[in-house]
Amino acid sequence: MTMSSSEYDFASAVWHKSSYSGGDGGDCLEAVTDHPDAVPVRDSKATGGPVLVFRTTTWSFFITSLKRS
């Protein structure tokens, strides 16, 4: 479940690009990791585009599931 991105001000957010991004910068995502209850995620190629905001527990479950596969 996503949370509303309108609840957050991303103007001063520090975005971190995925370590799995290719050298050409394509097919990447960025996330903000300093929110205690949420993980905002965006497309690194469209930094002004939409932001999905996931609950921290949901994001952690997703990442753990990816690592297992």
N, C-alpha and C. Protein backbone atom coordinates (compact mmCIF):
# COMPACT_ATOMS: atom_id res chain seq x y z
N MET A 1 0.84 -1.17 0.00
CA MET A 1 0.00 0.00 0.00
C MET A 1 0.89 1.24 0.00
N THR A 2 0.55 2.19 -0.84
CA THR A 2 1.30 3.44 -0.85
C THR A 2 0.61 4.46 0.03
N MET A 3 1.39 5.43 0.45
CA MET A 3 0.87 6.54 1.23
C MET A 3 0.81 7.74 0.30
N SER A 4 0.11 8.77 0.66
CA SER A 4 -0.01 9.95 -0.17
C SER A 4 1.30 10.74 -0.17
N SER A 5 1.82 11.02 -1.35
CA SER A 5 3.06 11.79 -1.42
C SER A 5 2.84 13.25 -1.06
N SER A 6 1.59 13.70 -1.04
CA SER A 6 1.30 15.09 -0.68
C SER A 6 1.54 15.35 0.81
N GLU A 7 1.72 14.29 1.59
CA GLU A 7 1.99 14.44 3.02
C GLU A 7 3.44 14.84 3.29
N TYR A 8 4.29 14.83 2.28
CA TYR A 8 5.72 15.03 2.47
C TYR A 8 6.23 16.19 1.61
N ASP A 9 7.22 16.88 2.12
CA ASP A 9 7.90 17.93 1.38
C ASP A 9 9.24 17.35 0.91
N PHE A 10 9.39 17.17 -0.39
CA PHE A 10 10.60 16.54 -0.92
C PHE A 10 11.64 17.56 -1.37
N ALA A 11 11.39 18.84 -1.14
CA ALA A 11 12.30 19.89 -1.60
C ALA A 11 13.70 19.73 -1.03
N SER A 12 13.81 19.33 0.22
CA SER A 12 15.14 19.18 0.83
C SER A 12 15.54 17.72 1.02
N ALA A 13 14.80 16.81 0.39
CA ALA A 13 15.08 15.38 0.53
C ALA A 13 16.42 15.03 -0.13
N VAL A 14 17.12 14.09 0.47
CA VAL A 14 18.36 13.56 -0.10
C VAL A 14 18.01 12.20 -0.72
N TRP A 15 18.05 12.15 -2.04
CA TRP A 15 17.70 10.94 -2.78
C TRP A 15 18.94 10.08 -2.99
N HIS A 16 18.77 8.78 -2.86
CA HIS A 16 19.86 7.83 -3.06
C HIS A 16 19.52 6.92 -4.23
N LYS A 17 20.42 6.84 -5.20
CA LYS A 17 20.20 6.00 -6.37
C LYS A 17 20.53 4.55 -6.03
N SER A 18 19.79 3.64 -6.60
CA SER A 18 20.01 2.23 -6.39
C SER A 18 21.43 1.84 -6.77
N SER A 19 22.04 1.00 -5.95
CA SER A 19 23.38 0.50 -6.25
C SER A 19 23.37 -0.47 -7.42
N TYR A 20 22.20 -0.91 -7.84
CA TYR A 20 22.07 -1.83 -8.96
C TYR A 20 21.84 -1.11 -10.28
N SER A 21 21.91 0.22 -10.27
CA SER A 21 21.69 0.96 -11.51
C SER A 21 22.86 0.74 -12.45
N GLY A 22 22.57 0.76 -13.71
CA GLY A 22 23.61 0.55 -14.71
C GLY A 22 24.50 1.78 -14.84
N GLY A 23 25.64 1.60 -15.45
CA GLY A 23 26.59 2.69 -15.65
C GLY A 23 26.07 3.79 -16.55
N ASP A 24 25.10 3.45 -17.41
CA ASP A 24 24.55 4.46 -18.31
C ASP A 24 23.43 5.26 -17.68
N GLY A 25 23.07 4.95 -16.44
CA GLY A 25 22.06 5.72 -15.72
C GLY A 25 20.63 5.34 -16.05
N GLY A 26 20.42 4.31 -16.83
CA GLY A 26 19.07 3.91 -17.20
C GLY A 26 18.46 2.93 -16.23
N ASP A 27 17.14 2.83 -16.25
CA ASP A 27 16.40 1.85 -15.45
C ASP A 27 16.75 1.90 -13.97
N CYS A 28 16.73 3.08 -13.39
CA CYS A 28 17.11 3.24 -11.99
C CYS A 28 15.95 3.80 -11.18
N LEU A 29 16.07 3.61 -9.90
CA LEU A 29 15.15 4.28 -9.00
C LEU A 29 15.96 4.92 -7.90
N GLU A 30 15.35 5.92 -7.28
CA GLU A 30 15.96 6.61 -6.16
C GLU A 30 15.00 6.56 -5.00
N ALA A 31 15.54 6.54 -3.80
CA ALA A 31 14.71 6.49 -2.59
C ALA A 31 15.28 7.43 -1.54
N VAL A 32 14.40 7.90 -0.67
CA VAL A 32 14.81 8.70 0.49
C VAL A 32 14.76 7.76 1.68
N THR A 33 15.86 7.69 2.42
CA THR A 33 15.94 6.69 3.49
C THR A 33 15.93 7.27 4.89
N ASP A 34 15.72 8.59 5.02
CA ASP A 34 15.76 9.18 6.35
C ASP A 34 14.40 9.50 6.96
N HIS A 35 13.32 9.03 6.35
CA HIS A 35 11.99 9.18 6.95
C HIS A 35 11.74 7.96 7.84
N PRO A 36 11.28 8.15 9.07
CA PRO A 36 11.10 7.02 9.98
C PRO A 36 9.95 6.09 9.61
N ASP A 37 8.89 6.62 9.00
CA ASP A 37 7.69 5.81 8.74
C ASP A 37 7.41 5.56 7.26
N ALA A 38 8.22 6.13 6.38
CA ALA A 38 7.92 6.03 4.96
C ALA A 38 9.19 6.00 4.13
N VAL A 39 9.06 5.42 2.92
CA VAL A 39 10.17 5.40 1.96
C VAL A 39 9.64 5.95 0.63
N PRO A 40 9.94 7.21 0.34
CA PRO A 40 9.57 7.77 -0.96
C PRO A 40 10.49 7.21 -2.05
N VAL A 41 9.92 6.88 -3.21
CA VAL A 41 10.65 6.27 -4.32
C VAL A 41 10.26 6.99 -5.60
N ARG A 42 11.25 7.25 -6.47
CA ARG A 42 10.96 7.90 -7.75
C ARG A 42 11.87 7.33 -8.83
N ASP A 43 11.51 7.60 -10.08
CA ASP A 43 12.32 7.22 -11.23
C ASP A 43 13.47 8.21 -11.35
N SER A 44 14.69 7.73 -11.41
CA SER A 44 15.85 8.64 -11.46
C SER A 44 15.93 9.41 -12.77
N LYS A 45 15.26 8.94 -13.81
CA LYS A 45 15.26 9.65 -15.08
C LYS A 45 14.19 10.74 -15.14
N ALA A 46 13.26 10.72 -14.20
CA ALA A 46 12.16 11.69 -14.17
C ALA A 46 12.05 12.26 -12.76
N THR A 47 13.09 12.96 -12.34
CA THR A 47 13.15 13.43 -10.96
C THR A 47 12.04 14.42 -10.60
N GLY A 48 11.45 15.05 -11.58
CA GLY A 48 10.32 15.94 -11.32
C GLY A 48 8.98 15.25 -11.43
N GLY A 49 9.01 13.96 -11.70
CA GLY A 49 7.79 13.19 -11.90
C GLY A 49 7.18 12.72 -10.59
N PRO A 50 6.29 11.76 -10.68
CA PRO A 50 5.59 11.29 -9.49
C PRO A 50 6.50 10.56 -8.51
N VAL A 51 6.10 10.60 -7.26
CA VAL A 51 6.82 9.92 -6.19
C VAL A 51 5.85 8.93 -5.54
N LEU A 52 6.27 7.69 -5.40
CA LEU A 52 5.49 6.71 -4.65
C LEU A 52 6.04 6.66 -3.24
N VAL A 53 5.15 6.64 -2.26
CA VAL A 53 5.58 6.61 -0.87
C VAL A 53 5.05 5.33 -0.23
N PHE A 54 5.96 4.50 0.23
CA PHE A 54 5.61 3.22 0.84
C PHE A 54 5.84 3.28 2.35
N ARG A 55 5.04 2.57 3.09
CA ARG A 55 5.31 2.43 4.51
C ARG A 55 6.64 1.69 4.65
N THR A 56 7.41 2.04 5.66
CA THR A 56 8.74 1.45 5.86
C THR A 56 8.67 -0.07 5.96
N THR A 57 7.68 -0.59 6.67
CA THR A 57 7.56 -2.04 6.81
C THR A 57 7.25 -2.71 5.48
N THR A 58 6.44 -2.08 4.65
CA THR A 58 6.12 -2.63 3.33
C THR A 58 7.34 -2.63 2.44
N TRP A 59 8.10 -1.53 2.44
CA TRP A 59 9.31 -1.44 1.63
C TRP A 59 10.33 -2.48 2.07
N SER A 60 10.51 -2.65 3.37
CA SER A 60 11.45 -3.64 3.90
C SER A 60 11.08 -5.05 3.46
N PHE A 61 9.79 -5.36 3.52
CA PHE A 61 9.32 -6.67 3.07
C PHE A 61 9.62 -6.87 1.59
N PHE A 62 9.36 -5.85 0.79
CA PHE A 62 9.62 -5.90 -0.65
C PHE A 62 11.10 -6.16 -0.93
N ILE A 63 11.98 -5.40 -0.29
CA ILE A 63 13.42 -5.56 -0.51
C ILE A 63 13.90 -6.94 -0.05
N THR A 64 13.42 -7.40 1.09
CA THR A 64 13.78 -8.72 1.59
C THR A 64 13.34 -9.80 0.60
N SER A 65 12.15 -9.66 0.05
CA SER A 65 11.65 -10.62 -0.93
C SER A 65 12.50 -10.63 -2.20
N LEU A 66 12.95 -9.47 -2.63
CA LEU A 66 13.82 -9.40 -3.81
C LEU A 66 15.15 -10.11 -3.58
N LYS A 67 15.69 -9.94 -2.40
CA LYS A 67 16.98 -10.54 -2.08
C LYS A 67 16.89 -12.06 -2.04
N ARG A 68 15.73 -12.59 -1.71
CA ARG A 68 15.54 -14.05 -1.64
C ARG A 68 15.41 -14.68 -3.02
N SER A 69 14.99 -13.90 -4.01
CA SER A 69 14.75 -14.50 -5.32
C SER A 69 15.95 -14.47 -6.22
